[in-house]
């Protein structure tokens, strides 16, 4: 019985800490990890693409929404980067703020 009470207390405290983190940032720990994984996956896919300029794109993710920024060579590269980002699991939408180089 004593062990059950101890484990229950530990679980309760852990839940309170997790809830506290969410209330401060508005994101749960799971959301933060998921966003990080999405960003990493998008960066990896962009780096693997045959268009060399895609590896220089800045990627950020907030609650499954991927934001692309930076400069690309042409409108084809801009569109390609958005397509690649949409292929990553967990991506809800893409905000494409890429600028085409003059």
PDB file of N, CA and C in Angstrom:
ATOM      1  N   UNK A   1       0.829  -1.188   0.000  1.00  0.00           N
ATOM      2  CA  UNK A   1       0.000   0.000   0.000  1.00  0.00           C
ATOM      3  C   UNK A   1       0.877   1.258   0.000  1.00  0.00           C
ATOM      4  N   UNK A   2       1.964   1.198   0.767  1.00  0.00           N
ATOM      5  CA  UNK A   2       2.857   2.348   0.846  1.00  0.00           C
ATOM      6  C   UNK A   2       3.473   2.666  -0.513  1.00  0.00           C
ATOM      7  N   UNK A   3       3.831   1.599  -1.281  1.00  0.00           N
ATOM      8  CA  UNK A   3       4.424   1.802  -2.603  1.00  0.00           C
ATOM      9  C   UNK A   3       3.413   2.401  -3.572  1.00  0.00           C
ATOM     10  N   UNK A   4       2.172   1.967  -3.475  1.00  0.00           N
ATOM     11  CA  UNK A   4       1.131   2.492  -4.357  1.00  0.00           C
ATOM     12  C   UNK A   4       0.945   3.983  -4.104  1.00  0.00           C
ATOM     13  N   UNK A   5       0.950   4.372  -2.854  1.00  0.00           N
ATOM     14  CA  UNK A   5       0.800   5.778  -2.498  1.00  0.00           C
ATOM     15  C   UNK A   5       1.984   6.598  -3.012  1.00  0.00           C
ATOM     16  N   UNK A   6       3.184   6.046  -2.891  1.00  0.00           N
ATOM     17  CA  UNK A   6       4.386   6.728  -3.368  1.00  0.00           C
ATOM     18  C   UNK A   6       4.343   6.905  -4.885  1.00  0.00           C
ATOM     19  N   UNK A   7       3.995   5.833  -5.610  1.00  0.00           N
ATOM     20  CA  UNK A   7       3.906   5.913  -7.063  1.00  0.00           C
ATOM     21  C   UNK A   7       2.820   6.895  -7.502  1.00  0.00           C
ATOM     22  N   UNK A   8       1.710   6.874  -6.809  1.00  0.00           N
ATOM     23  CA  UNK A   8       0.618   7.793  -7.139  1.00  0.00           C
ATOM     24  C   UNK A   8       1.061   9.235  -6.951  1.00  0.00           C
ATOM     25  N   UNK A   9       1.798   9.482  -5.892  1.00  0.00           N
ATOM     26  CA  UNK A   9       2.302  10.834  -5.631  1.00  0.00           C
ATOM     27  C   UNK A   9       3.265  11.283  -6.721  1.00  0.00           C
ATOM     28  N   UNK A  10       4.127  10.379  -7.152  1.00  0.00           N
ATOM     29  CA  UNK A  10       5.096  10.699  -8.207  1.00  0.00           C
ATOM     30  C   UNK A  10       4.373  11.014  -9.511  1.00  0.00           C
ATOM     31  N   UNK A  11       3.394  10.211  -9.849  1.00  0.00           N
ATOM     32  CA  UNK A  11       2.638  10.435 -11.077  1.00  0.00           C
ATOM     33  C   UNK A  11       1.893  11.760 -11.003  1.00  0.00           C
ATOM     34  N   UNK A  12       1.277  12.044  -9.876  1.00  0.00           N
ATOM     35  CA  UNK A  12       0.543  13.294  -9.701  1.00  0.00           C
ATOM     36  C   UNK A  12       1.475  14.496  -9.843  1.00  0.00           C
ATOM     37  N   UNK A  13       2.625  14.429  -9.238  1.00  0.00           N
ATOM     38  CA  UNK A  13       3.591  15.526  -9.329  1.00  0.00           C
ATOM     39  C   UNK A  13       4.069  15.717 -10.771  1.00  0.00           C
ATOM     40  N   UNK A  14       4.314  14.611 -11.468  1.00  0.00           N
ATOM     41  CA  UNK A  14       4.755  14.694 -12.862  1.00  0.00           C
ATOM     42  C   UNK A  14       3.699  15.358 -13.730  1.00  0.00           C
ATOM     43  N   UNK A  15       2.442  15.006 -13.497  1.00  0.00           N
ATOM     44  CA  UNK A  15       1.361  15.607 -14.268  1.00  0.00           C
ATOM     45  C   UNK A  15       1.247  17.096 -13.985  1.00  0.00           C
ATOM     46  N   UNK A  16       1.441  17.485 -12.754  1.00  0.00           N
ATOM     47  CA  UNK A  16       1.365  18.902 -12.409  1.00  0.00           C
ATOM     48  C   UNK A  16       2.486  19.684 -13.086  1.00  0.00           C
ATOM     49  N   UNK A  17       3.670  19.109 -13.127  1.00  0.00           N
ATOM     50  CA  UNK A  17       4.804  19.766 -13.781  1.00  0.00           C
ATOM     51  C   UNK A  17       4.524  19.919 -15.271  1.00  0.00           C
ATOM     52  N   UNK A  18       4.010  18.857 -15.905  1.00  0.00           N
ATOM     53  CA  UNK A  18       3.700  18.911 -17.335  1.00  0.00           C
ATOM     54  C   UNK A  18       2.632  19.963 -17.617  1.00  0.00           C
ATOM     55  N   UNK A  19       1.633  20.054 -16.783  1.00  0.00           N
ATOM     56  CA  UNK A  19       0.582  21.042 -16.966  1.00  0.00           C
ATOM     57  C   UNK A  19       1.135  22.451 -16.777  1.00  0.00           C
ATOM     58  N   UNK A  20       2.048  22.605 -15.856  1.00  0.00           N
ATOM     59  CA  UNK A  20       2.682  23.901 -15.630  1.00  0.00           C
ATOM     60  C   UNK A  20       3.474  24.348 -16.833  1.00  0.00           C
ATOM     61  N   UNK A  21       4.172  23.415 -17.469  1.00  0.00           N
ATOM     62  CA  UNK A  21       4.929  23.742 -18.674  1.00  0.00           C
ATOM     63  C   UNK A  21       4.000  24.189 -19.783  1.00  0.00           C
ATOM     64  N   UNK A  22       2.890  23.526 -19.925  1.00  0.00           N
ATOM     65  CA  UNK A  22       1.949  23.883 -20.976  1.00  0.00           C
ATOM     66  C   UNK A  22       1.376  25.267 -20.741  1.00  0.00           C
ATOM     67  N   UNK A  23       1.050  25.581 -19.503  1.00  0.00           N
ATOM     68  CA  UNK A  23       0.418  26.866 -19.241  1.00  0.00           C
ATOM     69  C   UNK A  23       1.385  28.029 -19.474  1.00  0.00           C
ATOM     70  N   UNK A  24       2.663  27.820 -19.316  1.00  0.00           N
ATOM     71  CA  UNK A  24       3.633  28.893 -19.515  1.00  0.00           C
ATOM     72  C   UNK A  24       3.902  29.154 -20.993  1.00  0.00           C
ATOM     73  N   UNK A  25       3.994  28.118 -21.798  1.00  0.00           N
ATOM     74  CA  UNK A  25       4.341  28.282 -23.211  1.00  0.00           C
ATOM     75  C   UNK A  25       3.160  28.101 -24.146  1.00  0.00           C
ATOM     76  N   UNK A  26       2.096  27.506 -23.650  1.00  0.00           N
ATOM     77  CA  UNK A  26       0.957  27.210 -24.499  1.00  0.00           C
ATOM     78  C   UNK A  26       1.142  25.935 -25.297  1.00  0.00           C
ATOM     79  N   UNK A  27       2.286  25.280 -25.146  1.00  0.00           N
ATOM     80  CA  UNK A  27       2.573  24.043 -25.854  1.00  0.00           C
ATOM     81  C   UNK A  27       2.892  22.956 -24.847  1.00  0.00           C
ATOM     82  N   UNK A  28       2.463  21.741 -25.134  1.00  0.00           N
ATOM     83  CA  UNK A  28       2.834  20.619 -24.284  1.00  0.00           C
ATOM     84  C   UNK A  28       4.235  20.156 -24.650  1.00  0.00           C
ATOM     85  N   UNK A  29       4.826  19.356 -23.785  1.00  0.00           N
ATOM     86  CA  UNK A  29       6.153  18.815 -24.077  1.00  0.00           C
ATOM     87  C   UNK A  29       6.109  17.976 -25.346  1.00  0.00           C
ATOM     88  N   UNK A  30       5.026  17.231 -25.531  1.00  0.00           N
ATOM     89  CA  UNK A  30       4.877  16.414 -26.734  1.00  0.00           C
ATOM     90  C   UNK A  30       4.811  17.247 -27.994  1.00  0.00           C
ATOM     91  N   UNK A  31       4.126  18.381 -27.932  1.00  0.00           N
ATOM     92  CA  UNK A  31       4.028  19.264 -29.089  1.00  0.00           C
ATOM     93  C   UNK A  31       5.392  19.823 -29.450  1.00  0.00           C
ATOM     94  N   UNK A  32       6.155  20.213 -28.453  1.00  0.00           N
ATOM     95  CA  UNK A  32       7.496  20.751 -28.688  1.00  0.00           C
ATOM     96  C   UNK A  32       8.380  19.705 -29.356  1.00  0.00           C
ATOM     97  N   UNK A  33       8.323  18.472 -28.875  1.00  0.00           N
ATOM     98  CA  UNK A  33       9.127  17.400 -29.459  1.00  0.00           C
ATOM     99  C   UNK A  33       8.670  17.131 -30.881  1.00  0.00           C
ATOM    100  N   UNK A  34       7.351  17.059 -31.107  1.00  0.00           N
ATOM    101  CA  UNK A  34       6.822  16.818 -32.453  1.00  0.00           C
ATOM    102  C   UNK A  34       7.264  17.912 -33.415  1.00  0.00           C
ATOM    103  N   UNK A  35       7.177  19.163 -33.004  1.00  0.00           N
ATOM    104  CA  UNK A  35       7.599  20.265 -33.860  1.00  0.00           C
ATOM    105  C   UNK A  35       9.079  20.168 -34.192  1.00  0.00           C
ATOM    106  N   UNK A  36       9.881  19.787 -33.231  1.00  0.00           N
ATOM    107  CA  UNK A  36      11.317  19.618 -33.463  1.00  0.00           C
ATOM    108  C   UNK A  36      11.603  18.505 -34.455  1.00  0.00           C
ATOM    109  N   UNK A  37      10.851  17.416 -34.331  1.00  0.00           N
ATOM    110  CA  UNK A  37      11.025  16.294 -35.249  1.00  0.00           C
ATOM    111  C   UNK A  37      10.603  16.689 -36.668  1.00  0.00           C
ATOM    112  N   UNK A  38       9.521  17.434 -36.774  1.00  0.00           N
ATOM    113  CA  UNK A  38       9.063  17.891 -38.093  1.00  0.00           C
ATOM    114  C   UNK A  38      10.118  18.791 -38.727  1.00  0.00           C
ATOM    115  N   UNK A  39      10.629  19.749 -37.959  1.00  0.00           N
ATOM    116  CA  UNK A  39      11.664  20.657 -38.472  1.00  0.00           C
ATOM    117  C   UNK A  39      12.877  19.875 -38.952  1.00  0.00           C
ATOM    118  N   UNK A  40      13.325  18.916 -38.161  1.00  0.00           N
ATOM    119  CA  UNK A  40      14.483  18.100 -38.537  1.00  0.00           C
ATOM    120  C   UNK A  40      14.217  17.313 -39.809  1.00  0.00           C
ATOM    121  N   UNK A  41      13.027  16.738 -39.906  1.00  0.00           N
ATOM    122  CA  UNK A  41      12.675  15.940 -41.090  1.00  0.00           C
ATOM    123  C   UNK A  41      12.610  16.804 -42.349  1.00  0.00           C
ATOM    124  N   UNK A  42      12.005  17.986 -42.234  1.00  0.00           N
ATOM    125  CA  UNK A  42      11.934  18.885 -43.387  1.00  0.00           C
ATOM    126  C   UNK A  42      13.336  19.305 -43.807  1.00  0.00           C
ATOM    127  N   UNK A  43      14.177  19.672 -42.837  1.00  0.00           N
ATOM    128  CA  UNK A  43      15.562  20.060 -43.162  1.00  0.00           C
ATOM    129  C   UNK A  43      16.296  18.931 -43.877  1.00  0.00           C
ATOM    130  N   UNK A  44      16.125  17.714 -43.403  1.00  0.00           N
ATOM    131  CA  UNK A  44      16.805  16.563 -44.015  1.00  0.00           C
ATOM    132  C   UNK A  44      16.323  16.341 -45.444  1.00  0.00           C
ATOM    133  N   UNK A  45      15.023  16.416 -45.663  1.00  0.00           N
ATOM    134  CA  UNK A  45      14.481  16.216 -47.008  1.00  0.00           C
ATOM    135  C   UNK A  45      14.917  17.330 -47.964  1.00  0.00           C
ATOM    136  N   UNK A  46      14.967  18.548 -47.472  1.00  0.00           N
ATOM    137  CA  UNK A  46      15.432  19.656 -48.312  1.00  0.00           C
ATOM    138  C   UNK A  46      16.896  19.471 -48.683  1.00  0.00           C
ATOM    139  N   UNK A  47      17.700  19.017 -47.731  1.00  0.00           N
ATOM    140  CA  UNK A  47      19.135  18.818 -47.982  1.00  0.00           C
ATOM    141  C   UNK A  47      19.367  17.682 -48.982  1.00  0.00           C
ATOM    142  N   UNK A  48      18.490  16.694 -48.997  1.00  0.00           N
ATOM    143  CA  UNK A  48      18.632  15.552 -49.908  1.00  0.00           C
ATOM    144  C   UNK A  48      18.165  15.871 -51.326  1.00  0.00           C
ATOM    145  N   UNK A  49      17.396  16.918 -51.500  1.00  0.00           N
ATOM    146  CA  UNK A  49      16.853  17.229 -52.814  1.00  0.00           C
ATOM    147  C   UNK A  49      17.964  17.661 -53.769  1.00  0.00           C
ATOM    148  N   UNK A  50      17.737  17.419 -55.045  1.00  0.00           N
ATOM    149  CA  UNK A  50      18.765  17.720 -56.049  1.00  0.00           C
ATOM    150  C   UNK A  50      19.005  19.212 -56.257  1.00  0.00           C
ATOM    151  N   UNK A  51      18.058  20.059 -55.852  1.00  0.00           N
ATOM    152  CA  UNK A  51      18.259  21.509 -55.961  1.00  0.00           C
ATOM    153  C   UNK A  51      19.125  21.955 -54.780  1.00  0.00           C
ATOM    154  N   UNK A  52      20.342  22.300 -55.055  1.00  0.00           N
ATOM    155  CA  UNK A  52      21.297  22.601 -53.990  1.00  0.00           C
ATOM    156  C   UNK A  52      20.879  23.770 -53.114  1.00  0.00           C
ATOM    157  N   UNK A  53      20.131  24.722 -53.647  1.00  0.00           N
ATOM    158  CA  UNK A  53      19.757  25.906 -52.863  1.00  0.00           C
ATOM    159  C   UNK A  53      18.751  25.591 -51.767  1.00  0.00           C
ATOM    160  N   UNK A  54      18.063  24.456 -51.841  1.00  0.00           N
ATOM    161  CA  UNK A  54      17.048  24.129 -50.843  1.00  0.00           C
ATOM    162  C   UNK A  54      17.658  23.820 -49.483  1.00  0.00           C
ATOM    163  N   UNK A  55      18.908  23.431 -49.458  1.00  0.00           N
ATOM    164  CA  UNK A  55      19.569  23.117 -48.190  1.00  0.00           C
ATOM    165  C   UNK A  55      19.795  24.372 -47.346  1.00  0.00           C
ATOM    166  N   UNK A  56      19.693  25.545 -47.956  1.00  0.00           N
ATOM    167  CA  UNK A  56      19.942  26.800 -47.233  1.00  0.00           C
ATOM    168  C   UNK A  56      18.673  27.471 -46.723  1.00  0.00           C
ATOM    169  N   UNK A  57      17.562  26.787 -46.817  1.00  0.00           N
ATOM    170  CA  UNK A  57      16.281  27.346 -46.373  1.00  0.00           C
ATOM    171  C   UNK A  57      16.158  27.218 -44.860  1.00  0.00           C
ATOM    172  N   UNK A  58      15.659  28.277 -44.229  1.00  0.00           N
ATOM    173  CA  UNK A  58      15.392  28.232 -42.790  1.00  0.00           C
ATOM    174  C   UNK A  58      14.017  27.624 -42.569  1.00  0.00           C
ATOM    175  N   UNK A  59      13.945  26.647 -41.654  1.00  0.00           N
ATOM    176  CA  UNK A  59      12.698  25.948 -41.371  1.00  0.00           C
ATOM    177  C   UNK A  59      12.376  26.099 -39.892  1.00  0.00           C
ATOM    178  N   UNK A  60      11.136  26.447 -39.597  1.00  0.00           N
ATOM    179  CA  UNK A  60      10.656  26.505 -38.222  1.00  0.00           C
ATOM    180  C   UNK A  60       9.272  25.875 -38.202  1.00  0.00           C
ATOM    181  N   UNK A  61       8.918  25.253 -37.095  1.00  0.00           N
ATOM    182  CA  UNK A  61       7.617  24.598 -36.986  1.00  0.00           C
ATOM    183  C   UNK A  61       6.947  25.005 -35.690  1.00  0.00           C
ATOM    184  N   UNK A  62       5.675  25.338 -35.788  1.00  0.00           N
ATOM    185  CA  UNK A  62       4.873  25.729 -34.629  1.00  0.00           C
ATOM    186  C   UNK A  62       3.528  25.016 -34.718  1.00  0.00           C
ATOM    187  N   UNK A  63       3.328  24.044 -33.831  1.00  0.00           N
ATOM    188  CA  UNK A  63       2.084  23.261 -33.790  1.00  0.00           C
ATOM    189  C   UNK A  63       1.743  22.620 -35.138  1.00  0.00           C
ATOM    190  N   UNK A  64       2.761  22.086 -35.795  1.00  0.00           N
ATOM    191  CA  UNK A  64       2.559  21.382 -37.055  1.00  0.00           C
ATOM    192  C   UNK A  64       2.555  22.260 -38.285  1.00  0.00           C
ATOM    193  N   UNK A  65       2.635  23.572 -38.104  1.00  0.00           N
ATOM    194  CA  UNK A  65       2.684  24.498 -39.243  1.00  0.00           C
ATOM    195  C   UNK A  65       4.154  24.821 -39.521  1.00  0.00           C
ATOM    196  N   UNK A  66       4.604  24.464 -40.708  1.00  0.00           N
ATOM    197  CA  UNK A  66       5.998  24.681 -41.094  1.00  0.00           C
ATOM    198  C   UNK A  66       6.124  26.035 -41.763  1.00  0.00           C
ATOM    199  N   UNK A  67       7.115  26.815 -41.336  1.00  0.00           N
ATOM    200  CA  UNK A  67       7.393  28.117 -41.933  1.00  0.00           C
ATOM    201  C   UNK A  67       8.737  28.056 -42.642  1.00  0.00           C
ATOM    202  N   UNK A  68       8.729  28.350 -43.932  1.00  0.00           N
ATOM    203  CA  UNK A  68       9.944  28.356 -44.738  1.00  0.00           C
ATOM    204  C   UNK A  68      10.344  29.797 -44.999  1.00  0.00           C
ATOM    205  N   UNK A  69      11.623  30.101 -44.813  1.00  0.00           N
ATOM    206  CA  UNK A  69      12.111  31.446 -45.104  1.00  0.00           C
ATOM    207  C   UNK A  69      13.520  31.358 -45.673  1.00  0.00           C
ATOM    208  N   UNK A  70      13.897  32.410 -46.363  1.00  0.00           N
ATOM    209  CA  UNK A  70      15.209  32.453 -46.998  1.00  0.00           C
ATOM    210  C   UNK A  70      15.077  32.858 -48.454  1.00  0.00           C
ATOM    211  N   UNK A  71      16.153  32.673 -49.188  1.00  0.00           N
ATOM    212  CA  UNK A  71      16.188  33.068 -50.599  1.00  0.00           C
ATOM    213  C   UNK A  71      16.471  31.835 -51.446  1.00  0.00           C
ATOM    214  N   UNK A  72      15.679  31.674 -52.521  1.00  0.00           N
ATOM    215  CA  UNK A  72      15.889  30.573 -53.462  1.00  0.00           C
ATOM    216  C   UNK A  72      16.141  31.153 -54.848  1.00  0.00           C
ATOM    217  N   UNK A  73      16.644  30.308 -55.747  1.00  0.00           N
ATOM    218  CA  UNK A  73      17.057  30.766 -57.074  1.00  0.00           C
ATOM    219  C   UNK A  73      15.894  31.159 -57.986  1.00  0.00           C
ATOM    220  N   UNK A  74      14.781  30.419 -57.899  1.00  0.00           N
ATOM    221  CA  UNK A  74      13.668  30.699 -58.811  1.00  0.00           C
ATOM    222  C   UNK A  74      12.354  30.213 -58.202  1.00  0.00           C
ATOM    223  N   UNK A  75      11.257  30.509 -58.893  1.00  0.00           N
ATOM    224  CA  UNK A  75       9.935  30.145 -58.372  1.00  0.00           C
ATOM    225  C   UNK A  75       9.742  28.635 -58.331  1.00  0.00           C
ATOM    226  N   UNK A  76      10.421  27.911 -59.197  1.00  0.00           N
ATOM    227  CA  UNK A  76      10.350  26.445 -59.170  1.00  0.00           C
ATOM    228  C   UNK A  76      10.916  25.903 -57.856  1.00  0.00           C
ATOM    229  N   UNK A  77      12.034  26.456 -57.414  1.00  0.00           N
ATOM    230  CA  UNK A  77      12.642  26.036 -56.154  1.00  0.00           C
ATOM    231  C   UNK A  77      11.727  26.379 -54.970  1.00  0.00           C
ATOM    232  N   UNK A  78      11.083  27.524 -55.040  1.00  0.00           N
ATOM    233  CA  UNK A  78      10.153  27.935 -53.986  1.00  0.00           C
ATOM    234  C   UNK A  78       9.007  26.937 -53.878  1.00  0.00           C
ATOM    235  N   UNK A  79       8.440  26.591 -55.005  1.00  0.00           N
ATOM    236  CA  UNK A  79       7.326  25.642 -55.031  1.00  0.00           C
ATOM    237  C   UNK A  79       7.792  24.251 -54.592  1.00  0.00           C
ATOM    238  N   UNK A  80       8.954  23.830 -55.059  1.00  0.00           N
ATOM    239  CA  UNK A  80       9.504  22.506 -54.710  1.00  0.00           C
ATOM    240  C   UNK A  80       9.720  22.390 -53.207  1.00  0.00           C
ATOM    241  N   UNK A  81      10.239  23.423 -52.576  1.00  0.00           N
ATOM    242  CA  UNK A  81      10.477  23.398 -51.132  1.00  0.00           C
ATOM    243  C   UNK A  81       9.163  23.198 -50.368  1.00  0.00           C
ATOM    244  N   UNK A  82       8.125  23.869 -50.813  1.00  0.00           N
ATOM    245  CA  UNK A  82       6.810  23.723 -50.171  1.00  0.00           C
ATOM    246  C   UNK A  82       6.272  22.306 -50.343  1.00  0.00           C
ATOM    247  N   UNK A  83       6.427  21.743 -51.531  1.00  0.00           N
ATOM    248  CA  UNK A  83       5.985  20.373 -51.780  1.00  0.00           C
ATOM    249  C   UNK A  83       6.705  19.390 -50.875  1.00  0.00           C
ATOM    250  N   UNK A  84       8.000  19.563 -50.741  1.00  0.00           N
ATOM    251  CA  UNK A  84       8.803  18.668 -49.900  1.00  0.00           C
ATOM    252  C   UNK A  84       8.341  18.758 -48.454  1.00  0.00           C
ATOM    253  N   UNK A  85       8.136  19.963 -47.961  1.00  0.00           N
ATOM    254  CA  UNK A  85       7.705  20.142 -46.571  1.00  0.00           C
ATOM    255  C   UNK A  85       6.353  19.478 -46.331  1.00  0.00           C
ATOM    256  N   UNK A  86       5.446  19.569 -47.280  1.00  0.00           N
ATOM    257  CA  UNK A  86       4.112  18.977 -47.115  1.00  0.00           C
ATOM    258  C   UNK A  86       4.154  17.453 -47.061  1.00  0.00           C
ATOM    259  N   UNK A  87       5.214  16.847 -47.575  1.00  0.00           N
ATOM    260  CA  UNK A  87       5.340  15.394 -47.583  1.00  0.00           C
ATOM    261  C   UNK A  87       5.750  14.823 -46.232  1.00  0.00           C
ATOM    262  N   UNK A  88       6.200  15.658 -45.331  1.00  0.00           N
ATOM    263  CA  UNK A  88       6.679  15.191 -44.027  1.00  0.00           C
ATOM    264  C   UNK A  88       5.493  14.882 -43.127  1.00  0.00           C
ATOM    265  N   UNK A  89       5.556  13.738 -42.481  1.00  0.00           N
ATOM    266  CA  UNK A  89       4.490  13.322 -41.584  1.00  0.00           C
ATOM    267  C   UNK A  89       4.329  14.315 -40.430  1.00  0.00           C
ATOM    268  N   UNK A  90       3.098  14.669 -40.135  1.00  0.00           N
ATOM    269  CA  UNK A  90       2.805  15.578 -39.044  1.00  0.00           C
ATOM    270  C   UNK A  90       2.622  17.026 -39.460  1.00  0.00           C
ATOM    271  N   UNK A  91       2.976  17.351 -40.710  1.00  0.00           N
ATOM    272  CA  UNK A  91       2.836  18.723 -41.195  1.00  0.00           C
ATOM    273  C   UNK A  91       1.359  18.992 -41.488  1.00  0.00           C
ATOM    274  N   UNK A  92       0.827  20.036 -40.847  1.00  0.00           N
ATOM    275  CA  UNK A  92      -0.570  20.419 -41.062  1.00  0.00           C
ATOM    276  C   UNK A  92      -0.697  21.390 -42.234  1.00  0.00           C
ATOM    277  N   UNK A  93       0.241  22.313 -42.330  1.00  0.00           N
ATOM    278  CA  UNK A  93       0.261  23.270 -43.433  1.00  0.00           C
ATOM    279  C   UNK A  93       1.656  23.876 -43.531  1.00  0.00           C
ATOM    280  N   UNK A  94       1.878  24.605 -44.620  1.00  0.00           N
ATOM    281  CA  UNK A  94       3.180  25.249 -44.846  1.00  0.00           C
ATOM    282  C   UNK A  94       2.950  26.723 -45.147  1.00  0.00           C
ATOM    283  N   UNK A  95       3.680  27.570 -44.438  1.00  0.00           N
ATOM    284  CA  UNK A  95       3.709  28.995 -44.732  1.00  0.00           C
ATOM    285  C   UNK A  95       5.000  29.252 -45.494  1.00  0.00           C
ATOM    286  N   UNK A  96       4.873  29.563 -46.766  1.00  0.00           N
ATOM    287  CA  UNK A  96       6.034  29.706 -47.631  1.00  0.00           C
ATOM    288  C   UNK A  96       6.406  31.182 -47.756  1.00  0.00           C
ATOM    289  N   UNK A  97       7.404  31.601 -46.982  1.00  0.00           N
ATOM    290  CA  UNK A  97       7.887  32.984 -47.015  1.00  0.00           C
ATOM    291  C   UNK A  97       9.196  33.101 -47.799  1.00  0.00           C
ATOM    292  N   UNK A  98       9.466  32.136 -48.659  1.00  0.00           N
ATOM    293  CA  UNK A  98      10.696  32.158 -49.440  1.00  0.00           C
ATOM    294  C   UNK A  98      10.663  33.293 -50.458  1.00  0.00           C
ATOM    295  N   UNK A  99      11.797  33.921 -50.636  1.00  0.00           N
ATOM    296  CA  UNK A  99      11.940  35.008 -51.591  1.00  0.00           C
ATOM    297  C   UNK A  99      12.751  34.499 -52.785  1.00  0.00           C
ATOM    298  N   UNK A 100      12.310  34.844 -53.990  1.00  0.00           N
ATOM    299  CA  UNK A 100      13.015  34.448 -55.199  1.00  0.00           C
ATOM    300  C   UNK A 100      14.119  35.461 -55.482  1.00  0.00           C
ATOM    301  N   UNK A 101      15.325  34.947 -55.703  1.00  0.00           N
ATOM    302  CA  UNK A 101      16.496  35.787 -55.962  1.00  0.00           C
ATOM    303  C   UNK A 101      16.322  36.496 -57.299  1.00  0.00           C
ATOM    304  N   UNK A 102      16.668  37.769 -57.347  1.00  0.00           N
ATOM    305  CA  UNK A 102      16.566  38.545 -58.589  1.00  0.00           C
ATOM    306  C   UNK A 102      17.734  38.284 -59.488  1.00  0.00           C
TER     307      UNK A 102
END
